[in-house]
């Protein structure tokens, strides 16, 4: 099934609506990447955009054992949405709860939608994201992403808040040792059958 990887989903929902019939999907929504933030308004905006588009959604809190067990055992979900927040935190939580393996093992039968951190973790390795996110105590293994794409997804390019962070990233030789794609908040990438399509909601 395809991947829709966005920098900020609510700012780039219209291209997704043009690519598929939202009413055909029952999404498992994972918003835990924002657990450490007091006001995760971006997750609220993304979920609102998904609902307004016609997706049927069910929220899961991976800190709750009953939610994890339900997600692992239910078969009614044909899509997963992983929201934005801290990339290192959500990657670690996915691995601790076995949802990481669940996504990898079932990706052929799932629509995967990511926003910011939810898109970042689809890369093979997220080490370079230390310039954009506050890094937790990680070892090399925990930096390994879902490996669903063969490039590094870098969100929020051009946003004032991230300008200095990107400037520092561009000075690190690690950035030039891999294939990197930077996206603005209005941009997304549609990956289907190994082909990549760039989409945007920007007018120009």
Protein backbone atom coordinates (compact mmCIF):
# COMPACT_ATOMS: atom_id res chain seq x y z
CA UNK A 1 0.00 0.00 0.00
CA UNK A 2 1.14 3.59 -0.50
CA UNK A 3 2.84 6.07 1.79
CA UNK A 4 1.83 9.71 2.14
CA UNK A 5 4.66 11.50 3.88
CA UNK A 6 4.00 15.10 4.78
CA UNK A 7 5.83 17.81 6.65
CA UNK A 8 2.62 19.14 8.19
CA UNK A 9 -0.43 17.10 7.19
CA UNK A 10 -3.11 19.71 7.86
CA UNK A 11 -1.31 22.08 5.47
CA UNK A 12 -1.14 19.43 2.75
CA UNK A 13 -4.37 17.45 3.03
CA UNK A 14 -5.88 18.49 -0.30
CA UNK A 15 -3.39 16.54 -2.49
CA UNK A 16 -4.10 13.41 -0.41
CA UNK A 17 -7.81 13.79 -1.07
CA UNK A 18 -7.05 13.89 -4.79
CA UNK A 19 -5.00 10.69 -4.61
CA UNK A 20 -7.48 8.38 -2.87
CA UNK A 21 -10.98 7.95 -1.51
CA UNK A 22 -10.69 8.74 2.19
CA UNK A 23 -13.98 7.03 3.00
CA UNK A 24 -12.38 3.71 2.07
CA UNK A 25 -9.95 3.87 4.99
CA UNK A 26 -10.18 3.14 8.69
CA UNK A 27 -7.08 4.70 10.21
CA UNK A 28 -5.30 3.80 13.42
CA UNK A 29 -4.05 7.17 14.68
CA UNK A 30 -0.88 7.32 16.78
CA UNK A 31 -0.31 10.77 18.24
CA UNK A 32 2.26 9.90 20.90
CA UNK A 33 5.15 11.78 19.30
CA UNK A 34 3.69 14.89 20.96
CA UNK A 35 3.49 13.40 24.48
CA UNK A 36 6.18 15.75 25.81
CA UNK A 37 4.49 18.92 24.55
CA UNK A 38 1.95 20.98 26.50
CA UNK A 39 0.00 22.14 23.45
CA UNK A 40 0.22 19.68 20.53
CA UNK A 41 -2.01 21.82 18.34
CA UNK A 42 -0.55 20.32 15.17
CA UNK A 43 -1.87 16.86 16.07
CA UNK A 44 -5.32 18.30 16.74
CA UNK A 45 -5.23 20.09 13.38
CA UNK A 46 -4.09 16.96 11.54
CA UNK A 47 -6.81 14.77 13.06
CA UNK A 48 -9.42 17.40 12.26
CA UNK A 49 -8.21 17.49 8.64
CA UNK A 50 -8.41 13.69 8.38
CA UNK A 51 -11.94 13.62 9.76
CA UNK A 52 -13.11 16.40 7.46
CA UNK A 53 -11.66 14.48 4.51
CA UNK A 54 -13.79 11.46 5.33
CA UNK A 55 -11.33 9.09 7.00
CA UNK A 56 -12.72 6.93 9.77
CA UNK A 57 -10.24 7.15 12.62
CA UNK A 58 -9.48 5.52 15.95
CA UNK A 59 -6.98 7.07 18.35
CA UNK A 60 -4.43 4.85 20.09
CA UNK A 61 -2.25 5.83 23.05
CA UNK A 62 0.79 3.55 22.99
CA UNK A 63 1.41 4.26 26.68
CA UNK A 64 -1.69 2.17 27.42
CA UNK A 65 -1.32 -1.61 27.22
CA UNK A 66 -4.96 -2.10 26.23
CA UNK A 67 -4.56 0.28 23.26
CA UNK A 68 -1.41 -1.50 22.09
CA UNK A 69 -3.05 -4.92 22.33
CA UNK A 70 -6.11 -3.71 20.44
CA UNK A 71 -4.01 -2.30 17.62
CA UNK A 72 -1.91 -5.46 17.39
CA UNK A 73 -4.94 -7.77 17.29
CA UNK A 74 -7.65 -5.86 15.43
CA UNK A 75 -7.90 -6.42 11.68
CA UNK A 76 -10.33 -3.64 10.80
CA UNK A 77 -7.66 -0.99 10.21
CA UNK A 78 -6.30 -0.61 6.69
CA UNK A 79 -4.27 2.50 7.41
CA UNK A 80 -2.01 4.08 10.02
CA UNK A 81 -1.42 7.75 10.71
CA UNK A 82 1.64 8.65 12.80
CA UNK A 83 1.53 12.30 13.85
CA UNK A 84 4.33 14.75 14.47
CA UNK A 85 6.32 15.59 17.57
CA UNK A 86 9.66 14.16 18.64
CA UNK A 87 11.08 11.67 16.16
CA UNK A 88 13.40 9.95 18.64
CA UNK A 89 10.68 9.50 21.24
CA UNK A 90 8.06 8.04 18.91
CA UNK A 91 10.57 5.69 17.28
CA UNK A 92 11.59 4.33 20.68
CA UNK A 93 7.97 3.96 21.80
CA UNK A 94 7.03 2.12 18.61
CA UNK A 95 9.84 -0.35 19.23
CA UNK A 96 9.02 -0.84 22.91
CA UNK A 97 5.40 -1.68 22.11
CA UNK A 98 6.11 -3.90 19.06
CA UNK A 99 4.10 -1.54 16.85
CA UNK A 100 7.33 -0.94 14.92
CA UNK A 101 7.39 -4.59 13.81
CA UNK A 102 3.63 -4.54 13.25
CA UNK A 103 3.94 -1.68 10.75
CA UNK A 104 6.92 -3.22 8.95
CA UNK A 105 5.30 -6.64 8.71
CA UNK A 106 1.94 -5.33 7.49
CA UNK A 107 2.99 -2.36 5.35
CA UNK A 108 1.96 -4.13 2.12
CA UNK A 109 -1.64 -4.06 3.34
CA UNK A 110 -1.67 -0.62 4.94
CA UNK A 111 -1.93 2.98 3.87
CA UNK A 112 0.74 4.80 5.87
CA UNK A 113 0.32 8.52 6.49
CA UNK A 114 3.02 10.45 8.29
CA UNK A 115 3.30 14.02 9.45
CA UNK A 116 6.69 15.45 10.43
CA UNK A 117 8.14 12.90 12.92
CA UNK A 118 5.74 10.30 11.55
CA UNK A 119 7.36 10.76 8.15
CA UNK A 120 10.92 11.05 9.46
CA UNK A 121 10.86 7.59 11.04
CA UNK A 122 10.15 5.98 7.66
CA UNK A 123 13.79 6.58 6.74
CA UNK A 124 16.46 3.94 7.33
CA UNK A 125 18.23 5.98 9.99
CA UNK A 126 17.20 9.18 11.77
CA UNK A 127 20.57 10.31 13.14
CA UNK A 128 20.57 13.58 11.16
CA UNK A 129 17.29 14.62 12.81
CA UNK A 130 19.27 15.50 15.95
CA UNK A 131 19.52 18.97 14.41
CA UNK A 132 15.73 19.37 14.28
CA UNK A 133 14.56 17.38 17.33
CA UNK A 134 15.69 17.14 20.92
CA UNK A 135 17.49 13.82 21.07
CA UNK A 136 16.73 11.34 23.83
CA UNK A 137 19.25 8.86 25.20
CA UNK A 138 19.62 6.69 22.14
CA UNK A 139 21.95 3.94 21.05
CA UNK A 140 22.77 3.13 17.46
CA UNK A 141 20.05 0.51 17.20
CA UNK A 142 17.34 2.91 18.28
CA UNK A 143 18.30 5.30 15.49
CA UNK A 144 17.26 2.74 12.89
CA UNK A 145 13.96 3.74 11.32
CA UNK A 146 11.24 1.75 9.57
CA UNK A 147 13.33 1.68 6.37
CA UNK A 148 10.29 2.13 4.12
CA UNK A 149 12.02 4.72 1.91
CA UNK A 150 15.54 5.02 0.51
CA UNK A 151 16.03 8.67 1.40
CA UNK A 152 16.08 10.82 4.53
CA UNK A 153 12.86 12.77 5.02
CA UNK A 154 13.55 16.28 6.38
CA UNK A 155 10.46 18.32 7.34
CA UNK A 156 9.66 22.01 7.86
CA UNK A 157 12.24 23.35 5.43
CA UNK A 158 11.86 27.12 5.05
CA UNK A 159 10.01 27.54 8.33
CA UNK A 160 11.45 30.37 10.42
CA UNK A 161 11.63 28.22 13.54
CA UNK A 162 13.90 25.71 11.82
CA UNK A 163 16.14 28.03 9.80
CA UNK A 164 19.11 28.05 12.21
CA UNK A 165 18.73 24.33 12.80
CA UNK A 166 18.97 23.63 9.09
CA UNK A 167 21.98 25.94 8.81
CA UNK A 168 23.79 23.80 11.39
CA UNK A 169 22.70 20.60 9.69
CA UNK A 170 24.10 21.74 6.35
CA UNK A 171 27.49 22.17 7.99
CA UNK A 172 27.63 18.53 9.06
CA UNK A 173 29.25 16.15 6.59
CA UNK A 174 26.73 13.47 7.63
CA UNK A 175 24.10 15.40 5.68
CA UNK A 176 26.03 14.85 2.45
CA UNK A 177 26.57 11.12 3.02
CA UNK A 178 22.98 10.19 2.23
CA UNK A 179 20.09 11.08 -0.04
CA UNK A 180 18.04 13.79 1.64
CA UNK A 181 14.75 15.37 0.66
CA UNK A 182 13.66 18.59 2.36
CA UNK A 183 9.99 19.51 2.35
CA UNK A 184 8.07 22.64 3.21
CA UNK A 185 4.96 22.43 5.36
CA UNK A 186 2.78 22.59 2.24
CA UNK A 187 4.59 19.66 0.61
CA UNK A 188 4.30 15.89 0.74
CA UNK A 189 5.60 12.78 -0.98
CA UNK A 190 3.37 10.04 -2.36
CA UNK A 191 5.18 6.70 -2.57
CA UNK A 192 3.44 3.88 -4.43
CA UNK A 193 4.84 0.82 -6.21
CA UNK A 194 8.36 2.18 -5.60
CA UNK A 195 7.58 5.38 -7.51
CA UNK A 196 7.79 8.79 -5.85
CA UNK A 197 5.52 11.73 -6.60
CA UNK A 198 5.97 15.18 -5.09
CA UNK A 199 2.69 16.93 -4.28
CA UNK A 200 1.94 20.31 -2.77
CA UNK A 201 -0.97 22.46 -1.66
CA UNK A 202 1.03 25.64 -2.36
CA UNK A 203 -0.24 27.87 -5.11
CA UNK A 204 3.28 28.61 -6.39
